[in-house]
PDB file of N, CA and C in Angstrom:
ATOM      1  N   UNK A   1      77.091 108.777  34.100  1.00  0.00           N
ATOM      2  CA  UNK A   1      77.072 107.606  34.936  1.00  0.00           C
ATOM      3  C   UNK A   1      77.875 107.883  36.200  1.00  0.00           C
ATOM      4  N   UNK A   2      77.426 107.335  37.283  1.00  0.00           N
ATOM      5  CA  UNK A   2      78.079 107.571  38.571  1.00  0.00           C
ATOM      6  C   UNK A   2      78.882 106.355  39.014  1.00  0.00           C
ATOM      7  N   UNK A   3      79.912 106.621  39.798  1.00  0.00           N
ATOM      8  CA  UNK A   3      80.707 105.586  40.452  1.00  0.00           C
ATOM      9  C   UNK A   3      80.214 105.548  41.895  1.00  0.00           C
ATOM     10  N   UNK A   4      79.483 104.519  42.251  1.00  0.00           N
ATOM     11  CA  UNK A   4      78.817 104.424  43.545  1.00  0.00           C
ATOM     12  C   UNK A   4      79.563 103.431  44.427  1.00  0.00           C
ATOM     13  N   UNK A   5      79.960 103.886  45.612  1.00  0.00           N
ATOM     14  CA  UNK A   5      80.629 103.013  46.570  1.00  0.00           C
ATOM     15  C   UNK A   5      79.581 102.311  47.421  1.00  0.00           C
ATOM     16  N   UNK A   6      79.714 100.987  47.561  1.00  0.00           N
ATOM     17  CA  UNK A   6      78.811 100.198  48.398  1.00  0.00           C
ATOM     18  C   UNK A   6      79.560  99.852  49.676  1.00  0.00           C
ATOM     19  N   UNK A   7      79.037 100.303  50.825  1.00  0.00           N
ATOM     20  CA  UNK A   7      79.724 100.134  52.104  1.00  0.00           C
ATOM     21  C   UNK A   7      79.084  99.084  53.012  1.00  0.00           C
ATOM     22  N   UNK A   8      77.939  98.559  52.636  1.00  0.00           N
ATOM     23  CA  UNK A   8      77.306  97.550  53.464  1.00  0.00           C
ATOM     24  C   UNK A   8      76.042  97.032  52.815  1.00  0.00           C
ATOM     25  N   UNK A   9      75.624  95.871  53.270  1.00  0.00           N
ATOM     26  CA  UNK A   9      74.413  95.250  52.732  1.00  0.00           C
ATOM     27  C   UNK A   9      73.622  94.613  53.865  1.00  0.00           C
ATOM     28  N   UNK A  10      72.317  94.815  53.824  1.00  0.00           N
ATOM     29  CA  UNK A  10      71.417  94.118  54.747  1.00  0.00           C
ATOM     30  C   UNK A  10      70.770  93.000  53.944  1.00  0.00           C
ATOM     31  N   UNK A  11      70.914  91.777  54.447  1.00  0.00           N
ATOM     32  CA  UNK A  11      70.397  90.629  53.721  1.00  0.00           C
ATOM     33  C   UNK A  11      69.323  89.904  54.526  1.00  0.00           C
ATOM     34  N   UNK A  12      68.541  89.147  53.798  1.00  0.00           N
ATOM     35  CA  UNK A  12      67.566  88.249  54.392  1.00  0.00           C
ATOM     36  C   UNK A  12      67.698  86.939  53.629  1.00  0.00           C
ATOM     37  N   UNK A  13      68.349  85.971  54.247  1.00  0.00           N
ATOM     38  CA  UNK A  13      68.656  84.730  53.540  1.00  0.00           C
ATOM     39  C   UNK A  13      69.643  85.022  52.423  1.00  0.00           C
ATOM     40  N   UNK A  14      69.286  84.684  51.194  1.00  0.00           N
ATOM     41  CA  UNK A  14      70.168  84.932  50.048  1.00  0.00           C
ATOM     42  C   UNK A  14      69.710  86.144  49.235  1.00  0.00           C
ATOM     43  N   UNK A  15      68.882  86.997  49.828  1.00  0.00           N
ATOM     44  CA  UNK A  15      68.384  88.179  49.134  1.00  0.00           C
ATOM     45  C   UNK A  15      68.847  89.444  49.840  1.00  0.00           C
ATOM     46  N   UNK A  16      69.335  90.379  49.074  1.00  0.00           N
ATOM     47  CA  UNK A  16      69.699  91.677  49.614  1.00  0.00           C
ATOM     48  C   UNK A  16      68.430  92.480  49.828  1.00  0.00           C
ATOM     49  N   UNK A  17      68.287  93.047  51.023  1.00  0.00           N
ATOM     50  CA  UNK A  17      67.140  93.928  51.305  1.00  0.00           C
ATOM     51  C   UNK A  17      67.484  95.372  50.985  1.00  0.00           C
ATOM     52  N   UNK A  18      68.722  95.767  51.353  1.00  0.00           N
ATOM     53  CA  UNK A  18      69.146  97.143  51.091  1.00  0.00           C
ATOM     54  C   UNK A  18      70.666  97.215  51.057  1.00  0.00           C
ATOM     55  N   UNK A  19      71.167  98.293  50.475  1.00  0.00           N
ATOM     56  CA  UNK A  19      72.603  98.545  50.403  1.00  0.00           C
ATOM     57  C   UNK A  19      72.893  99.927  50.976  1.00  0.00           C
ATOM     58  N   UNK A  20      74.005 100.043  51.712  1.00  0.00           N
ATOM     59  CA  UNK A  20      74.488 101.348  52.168  1.00  0.00           C
ATOM     60  C   UNK A  20      75.471 101.840  51.120  1.00  0.00           C
ATOM     61  N   UNK A  21      75.154 102.971  50.495  1.00  0.00           N
ATOM     62  CA  UNK A  21      75.946 103.468  49.374  1.00  0.00           C
ATOM     63  C   UNK A  21      76.365 104.922  49.597  1.00  0.00           C
ATOM     64  N   UNK A  22      77.371 105.330  48.824  1.00  0.00           N
ATOM     65  CA  UNK A  22      77.808 106.719  48.884  1.00  0.00           C
ATOM     66  C   UNK A  22      78.396 107.090  47.526  1.00  0.00           C
ATOM     67  N   UNK A  23      77.969 108.219  46.989  1.00  0.00           N
ATOM     68  CA  UNK A  23      78.630 108.820  45.839  1.00  0.00           C
ATOM     69  C   UNK A  23      79.852 109.540  46.392  1.00  0.00           C
ATOM     70  N   UNK A  24      80.944 109.591  45.674  1.00  0.00           N
ATOM     71  CA  UNK A  24      82.144 110.258  46.184  1.00  0.00           C
ATOM     72  C   UNK A  24      81.809 111.683  46.612  1.00  0.00           C
ATOM     73  N   UNK A  25      82.233 112.022  47.829  1.00  0.00           N
ATOM     74  CA  UNK A  25      82.040 113.367  48.340  1.00  0.00           C
ATOM     75  C   UNK A  25      80.669 113.647  48.926  1.00  0.00           C
ATOM     76  N   UNK A  26      79.840 112.618  49.087  1.00  0.00           N
ATOM     77  CA  UNK A  26      78.508 112.824  49.660  1.00  0.00           C
ATOM     78  C   UNK A  26      78.311 111.937  50.882  1.00  0.00           C
ATOM     79  N   UNK A  27      77.225 112.191  51.594  1.00  0.00           N
ATOM     80  CA  UNK A  27      76.893 111.391  52.773  1.00  0.00           C
ATOM     81  C   UNK A  27      76.366 110.014  52.355  1.00  0.00           C
ATOM     82  N   UNK A  28      76.607 109.038  53.213  1.00  0.00           N
ATOM     83  CA  UNK A  28      76.106 107.680  52.976  1.00  0.00           C
ATOM     84  C   UNK A  28      74.591 107.666  53.081  1.00  0.00           C
ATOM     85  N   UNK A  29      73.960 106.832  52.273  1.00  0.00           N
ATOM     86  CA  UNK A  29      72.500 106.646  52.351  1.00  0.00           C
ATOM     87  C   UNK A  29      72.172 105.191  52.063  1.00  0.00           C
ATOM     88  N   UNK A  30      70.952 104.799  52.362  1.00  0.00           N
ATOM     89  CA  UNK A  30      70.510 103.420  52.154  1.00  0.00           C
ATOM     90  C   UNK A  30      69.536 103.376  50.981  1.00  0.00           C
ATOM     91  N   UNK A  31      69.761 102.409  50.084  1.00  0.00           N
ATOM     92  CA  UNK A  31      68.860 102.224  48.956  1.00  0.00           C
ATOM     93  C   UNK A  31      68.307 100.806  48.983  1.00  0.00           C
ATOM     94  N   UNK A  32      67.175 100.615  48.363  1.00  0.00           N
ATOM     95  CA  UNK A  32      66.546  99.293  48.287  1.00  0.00           C
ATOM     96  C   UNK A  32      67.222  98.434  47.218  1.00  0.00           C
ATOM     97  N   UNK A  33      66.966  97.159  47.284  1.00  0.00           N
ATOM     98  CA  UNK A  33      67.468  96.215  46.276  1.00  0.00           C
ATOM     99  C   UNK A  33      66.957  96.616  44.890  1.00  0.00           C
ATOM    100  N   UNK A  34      65.696  97.006  44.812  1.00  0.00           N
ATOM    101  CA  UNK A  34      65.093  97.396  43.537  1.00  0.00           C
ATOM    102  C   UNK A  34      65.796  98.614  42.940  1.00  0.00           C
ATOM    103  N   UNK A  35      66.129  99.580  43.795  1.00  0.00           N
ATOM    104  CA  UNK A  35      66.854 100.762  43.316  1.00  0.00           C
ATOM    105  C   UNK A  35      68.228 100.366  42.805  1.00  0.00           C
ATOM    106  N   UNK A  36      68.925  99.503  43.541  1.00  0.00           N
ATOM    107  CA  UNK A  36      70.252  99.049  43.119  1.00  0.00           C
ATOM    108  C   UNK A  36      70.180  98.350  41.760  1.00  0.00           C
ATOM    109  N   UNK A  37      69.209  97.467  41.585  1.00  0.00           N
ATOM    110  CA  UNK A  37      69.059  96.774  40.305  1.00  0.00           C
ATOM    111  C   UNK A  37      68.769  97.756  39.177  1.00  0.00           C
ATOM    112  N   UNK A  38      67.960  98.767  39.464  1.00  0.00           N
ATOM    113  CA  UNK A  38      67.638  99.789  38.467  1.00  0.00           C
ATOM    114  C   UNK A  38      68.877 100.590  38.088  1.00  0.00           C
ATOM    115  N   UNK A  39      69.670 100.989  39.091  1.00  0.00           N
ATOM    116  CA  UNK A  39      70.891 101.743  38.802  1.00  0.00           C
ATOM    117  C   UNK A  39      71.877 100.905  37.992  1.00  0.00           C
ATOM    118  N   UNK A  40      72.011  99.628  38.328  1.00  0.00           N
ATOM    119  CA  UNK A  40      72.906  98.754  37.572  1.00  0.00           C
ATOM    120  C   UNK A  40      72.429  98.605  36.128  1.00  0.00           C
ATOM    121  N   UNK A  41      71.121  98.464  35.936  1.00  0.00           N
ATOM    122  CA  UNK A  41      70.563  98.350  34.589  1.00  0.00           C
ATOM    123  C   UNK A  41      70.786  99.639  33.801  1.00  0.00           C
ATOM    124  N   UNK A  42      70.837 100.767  34.509  1.00  0.00           N
ATOM    125  CA  UNK A  42      71.053 102.060  33.866  1.00  0.00           C
ATOM    126  C   UNK A  42      72.510 102.358  33.556  1.00  0.00           C
ATOM    127  N   UNK A  43      73.406 101.478  33.930  1.00  0.00           N
ATOM    128  CA  UNK A  43      74.807 101.638  33.585  1.00  0.00           C
ATOM    129  C   UNK A  43      75.688 102.232  34.665  1.00  0.00           C
ATOM    130  N   UNK A  44      75.170 102.435  35.862  1.00  0.00           N
ATOM    131  CA  UNK A  44      75.993 102.954  36.947  1.00  0.00           C
ATOM    132  C   UNK A  44      76.948 101.874  37.449  1.00  0.00           C
ATOM    133  N   UNK A  45      78.130 102.274  37.877  1.00  0.00           N
ATOM    134  CA  UNK A  45      79.106 101.355  38.455  1.00  0.00           C
ATOM    135  C   UNK A  45      78.936 101.345  39.961  1.00  0.00           C
ATOM    136  N   UNK A  46      78.765 100.165  40.536  1.00  0.00           N
ATOM    137  CA  UNK A  46      78.659 100.012  41.980  1.00  0.00           C
ATOM    138  C   UNK A  46      79.853  99.169  42.418  1.00  0.00           C
ATOM    139  N   UNK A  47      80.687  99.729  43.309  1.00  0.00           N
ATOM    140  CA  UNK A  47      81.923  99.087  43.721  1.00  0.00           C
ATOM    141  C   UNK A  47      81.876  98.795  45.216  1.00  0.00           C
ATOM    142  N   UNK A  48      82.088  97.542  45.600  1.00  0.00           N
ATOM    143  CA  UNK A  48      82.148  97.177  47.017  1.00  0.00           C
ATOM    144  C   UNK A  48      83.356  97.887  47.625  1.00  0.00           C
ATOM    145  N   UNK A  49      83.144  98.608  48.736  1.00  0.00           N
ATOM    146  CA  UNK A  49      84.180  99.450  49.325  1.00  0.00           C
ATOM    147  C   UNK A  49      84.153  99.351  50.842  1.00  0.00           C
ATOM    148  N   UNK A  50      85.327  99.357  51.456  1.00  0.00           N
ATOM    149  CA  UNK A  50      85.443  99.411  52.917  1.00  0.00           C
ATOM    150  C   UNK A  50      86.289 100.618  53.288  1.00  0.00           C
ATOM    151  N   UNK A  51      86.052 101.151  54.481  1.00  0.00           N
ATOM    152  CA  UNK A  51      86.834 102.279  54.962  1.00  0.00           C
ATOM    153  C   UNK A  51      86.407 103.580  54.319  1.00  0.00           C
ATOM    154  N   UNK A  52      87.196 104.641  54.574  1.00  0.00           N
ATOM    155  CA  UNK A  52      86.903 105.938  53.990  1.00  0.00           C
ATOM    156  C   UNK A  52      88.184 106.747  53.847  1.00  0.00           C
ATOM    157  N   UNK A  53      88.102 107.810  53.091  1.00  0.00           N
ATOM    158  CA  UNK A  53      89.239 108.690  52.892  1.00  0.00           C
ATOM    159  C   UNK A  53      90.445 107.959  52.352  1.00  0.00           C
ATOM    160  N   UNK A  54      91.622 108.224  52.943  1.00  0.00           N
ATOM    161  CA  UNK A  54      92.848 107.582  52.475  1.00  0.00           C
ATOM    162  C   UNK A  54      92.949 106.125  52.923  1.00  0.00           C
ATOM    163  N   UNK A  55      92.028 105.682  53.762  1.00  0.00           N
ATOM    164  CA  UNK A  55      92.010 104.292  54.236  1.00  0.00           C
ATOM    165  C   UNK A  55      90.908 103.482  53.561  1.00  0.00           C
ATOM    166  N   UNK A  56      90.527 103.892  52.376  1.00  0.00           N
ATOM    167  CA  UNK A  56      89.461 103.219  51.632  1.00  0.00           C
ATOM    168  C   UNK A  56      90.043 102.066  50.828  1.00  0.00           C
ATOM    169  N   UNK A  57      89.347 100.932  50.831  1.00  0.00           N
ATOM    170  CA  UNK A  57      89.726  99.765  50.039  1.00  0.00           C
ATOM    171  C   UNK A  57      88.590  99.455  49.084  1.00  0.00           C
ATOM    172  N   UNK A  58      88.887  99.463  47.803  1.00  0.00           N
ATOM    173  CA  UNK A  58      87.873  99.144  46.787  1.00  0.00           C
ATOM    174  C   UNK A  58      87.987  97.664  46.432  1.00  0.00           C
ATOM    175  N   UNK A  59      86.857  97.014  46.326  1.00  0.00           N
ATOM    176  CA  UNK A  59      86.816  95.600  45.998  1.00  0.00           C
ATOM    177  C   UNK A  59      86.232  95.360  44.626  1.00  0.00           C
ATOM    178  N   UNK A  60      85.429  94.337  44.523  1.00  0.00           N
ATOM    179  CA  UNK A  60      84.832  93.926  43.264  1.00  0.00           C
ATOM    180  C   UNK A  60      83.629  94.784  42.898  1.00  0.00           C
ATOM    181  N   UNK A  61      83.341  94.847  41.618  1.00  0.00           N
ATOM    182  CA  UNK A  61      82.154  95.542  41.140  1.00  0.00           C
ATOM    183  C   UNK A  61      80.921  94.667  41.360  1.00  0.00           C
ATOM    184  N   UNK A  62      79.812  95.301  41.677  1.00  0.00           N
ATOM    185  CA  UNK A  62      78.539  94.594  41.750  1.00  0.00           C
ATOM    186  C   UNK A  62      77.989  94.505  40.333  1.00  0.00           C
ATOM    187  N   UNK A  63      77.453  93.362  39.997  1.00  0.00           N
ATOM    188  CA  UNK A  63      76.919  93.131  38.662  1.00  0.00           C
ATOM    189  C   UNK A  63      75.461  92.709  38.752  1.00  0.00           C
ATOM    190  N   UNK A  64      74.695  93.071  37.752  1.00  0.00           N
ATOM    191  CA  UNK A  64      73.310  92.605  37.617  1.00  0.00           C
ATOM    192  C   UNK A  64      73.371  91.332  36.776  1.00  0.00           C
ATOM    193  N   UNK A  65      72.962  90.206  37.370  1.00  0.00           N
ATOM    194  CA  UNK A  65      73.008  88.909  36.709  1.00  0.00           C
ATOM    195  C   UNK A  65      71.580  88.392  36.568  1.00  0.00           C
ATOM    196  N   UNK A  66      71.211  87.980  35.363  1.00  0.00           N
ATOM    197  CA  UNK A  66      69.867  87.470  35.109  1.00  0.00           C
ATOM    198  C   UNK A  66      69.880  85.941  35.077  1.00  0.00           C
ATOM    199  N   UNK A  67      68.988  85.345  35.865  1.00  0.00           N
ATOM    200  CA  UNK A  67      68.841  83.888  35.904  1.00  0.00           C
ATOM    201  C   UNK A  67      67.363  83.585  35.763  1.00  0.00           C
ATOM    202  N   UNK A  68      67.005  82.888  34.708  1.00  0.00           N
ATOM    203  CA  UNK A  68      65.604  82.533  34.497  1.00  0.00           C
ATOM    204  C   UNK A  68      64.681  83.750  34.405  1.00  0.00           C
ATOM    205  N   UNK A  69      65.176  84.840  33.838  1.00  0.00           N
ATOM    206  CA  UNK A  69      64.377  86.048  33.689  1.00  0.00           C
ATOM    207  C   UNK A  69      64.286  86.916  34.934  1.00  0.00           C
ATOM    208  N   UNK A  70      64.944  86.512  36.026  1.00  0.00           N
ATOM    209  CA  UNK A  70      64.941  87.292  37.260  1.00  0.00           C
ATOM    210  C   UNK A  70      66.343  87.867  37.492  1.00  0.00           C
ATOM    211  N   UNK A  71      66.394  89.094  38.013  1.00  0.00           N
ATOM    212  CA  UNK A  71      67.675  89.779  38.222  1.00  0.00           C
ATOM    213  C   UNK A  71      68.191  89.578  39.641  1.00  0.00           C
ATOM    214  N   UNK A  72      69.512  89.436  39.749  1.00  0.00           N
ATOM    215  CA  UNK A  72      70.187  89.283  41.028  1.00  0.00           C
ATOM    216  C   UNK A  72      71.415  90.185  41.053  1.00  0.00           C
ATOM    217  N   UNK A  73      71.879  90.511  42.266  1.00  0.00           N
ATOM    218  CA  UNK A  73      73.060  91.347  42.445  1.00  0.00           C
ATOM    219  C   UNK A  73      74.189  90.446  42.940  1.00  0.00           C
ATOM    220  N   UNK A  74      75.304  90.417  42.187  1.00  0.00           N
ATOM    221  CA  UNK A  74      76.403  89.528  42.548  1.00  0.00           C
ATOM    222  C   UNK A  74      77.746  90.198  42.280  1.00  0.00           C
ATOM    223  N   UNK A  75      78.750  89.838  43.064  1.00  0.00           N
ATOM    224  CA  UNK A  75      80.115  90.285  42.793  1.00  0.00           C
ATOM    225  C   UNK A  75      80.931  89.200  42.102  1.00  0.00           C
ATOM    226  N   UNK A  76      80.400  87.987  42.009  1.00  0.00           N
ATOM    227  CA  UNK A  76      81.153  86.906  41.362  1.00  0.00           C
ATOM    228  C   UNK A  76      80.582  86.514  40.000  1.00  0.00           C
ATOM    229  N   UNK A  77      79.505  87.116  39.559  1.00  0.00           N
ATOM    230  CA  UNK A  77      78.835  86.912  38.263  1.00  0.00           C
ATOM    231  C   UNK A  77      78.432  85.463  37.971  1.00  0.00           C
ATOM    232  N   UNK A  78      78.411  84.600  38.982  1.00  0.00           N
ATOM    233  CA  UNK A  78      77.917  83.239  38.756  1.00  0.00           C
ATOM    234  C   UNK A  78      76.427  83.292  38.419  1.00  0.00           C
ATOM    235  N   UNK A  79      75.990  82.387  37.603  1.00  0.00           N
ATOM    236  CA  UNK A  79      74.580  82.326  37.232  1.00  0.00           C
ATOM    237  C   UNK A  79      73.815  81.511  38.266  1.00  0.00           C
ATOM    238  N   UNK A  80      73.665  82.083  39.452  1.00  0.00           N
ATOM    239  CA  UNK A  80      72.924  81.457  40.543  1.00  0.00           C
ATOM    240  C   UNK A  80      71.775  82.369  40.926  1.00  0.00           C
ATOM    241  N   UNK A  81      70.650  81.774  41.251  1.00  0.00           N
ATOM    242  CA  UNK A  81      69.450  82.535  41.597  1.00  0.00           C
ATOM    243  C   UNK A  81      69.506  82.988  43.054  1.00  0.00           C
ATOM    244  N   UNK A  82      70.487  83.846  43.358  1.00  0.00           N
ATOM    245  CA  UNK A  82      70.658  84.401  44.704  1.00  0.00           C
ATOM    246  C   UNK A  82      71.557  85.615  44.601  1.00  0.00           C
ATOM    247  N   UNK A  83      71.350  86.570  45.494  1.00  0.00           N
ATOM    248  CA  UNK A  83      72.251  87.721  45.579  1.00  0.00           C
ATOM    249  C   UNK A  83      73.514  87.286  46.328  1.00  0.00           C
ATOM    250  N   UNK A  84      74.642  87.900  45.967  1.00  0.00           N
ATOM    251  CA  UNK A  84      75.903  87.585  46.637  1.00  0.00           C
ATOM    252  C   UNK A  84      76.839  88.772  46.488  1.00  0.00           C
ATOM    253  N   UNK A  85      77.139  89.453  47.597  1.00  0.00           N
ATOM    254  CA  UNK A  85      78.028  90.619  47.564  1.00  0.00           C
ATOM    255  C   UNK A  85      79.126  90.420  48.605  1.00  0.00           C
ATOM    256  N   UNK A  86      80.372  90.491  48.160  1.00  0.00           N
ATOM    257  CA  UNK A  86      81.524  90.403  49.063  1.00  0.00           C
ATOM    258  C   UNK A  86      82.125  91.789  49.214  1.00  0.00           C
ATOM    259  N   UNK A  87      82.225  92.257  50.462  1.00  0.00           N
ATOM    260  CA  UNK A  87      82.868  93.536  50.742  1.00  0.00           C
ATOM    261  C   UNK A  87      84.341  93.277  51.074  1.00  0.00           C
ATOM    262  N   UNK A  88      85.248  94.149  50.638  1.00  0.00           N
ATOM    263  CA  UNK A  88      86.663  93.939  50.949  1.00  0.00           C
ATOM    264  C   UNK A  88      86.943  94.194  52.426  1.00  0.00           C
ATOM    265  N   UNK A  89      88.010  93.600  52.930  1.00  0.00           N
ATOM    266  CA  UNK A  89      88.448  93.860  54.296  1.00  0.00           C
ATOM    267  C   UNK A  89      89.030  95.262  54.382  1.00  0.00           C
ATOM    268  N   UNK A  90      88.805  95.933  55.490  1.00  0.00           N
ATOM    269  CA  UNK A  90      89.334  97.280  55.671  1.00  0.00           C
ATOM    270  C   UNK A  90      90.798  97.211  56.110  1.00  0.00           C
ATOM    271  N   UNK A  91      91.511  98.318  55.979  1.00  0.00           N
ATOM    272  CA  UNK A  91      92.915  98.411  56.420  1.00  0.00           C
ATOM    273  C   UNK A  91      92.987  98.236  57.909  1.00  0.00           C
TER     274      UNK A  91
END
């Protein structure tokens, strides 16, 4: 299982379109919402992160939350039918 840092999110209303992610020691890349949900279902840890190197701030974990049989990505685990990701403030 990988520890994936999430550095940004592109949203459309209350839905995440894509996430900017990075595995430790690799270049940042963009993944789709569907890929993120698949990785979360597979047991990967996705951590909201700001900054880089020694100035990195780790925030809350992203969780896959199911509401009415549909999956959502949330950092607060509320059972709401919407994506919600809070990134930490940088140093």
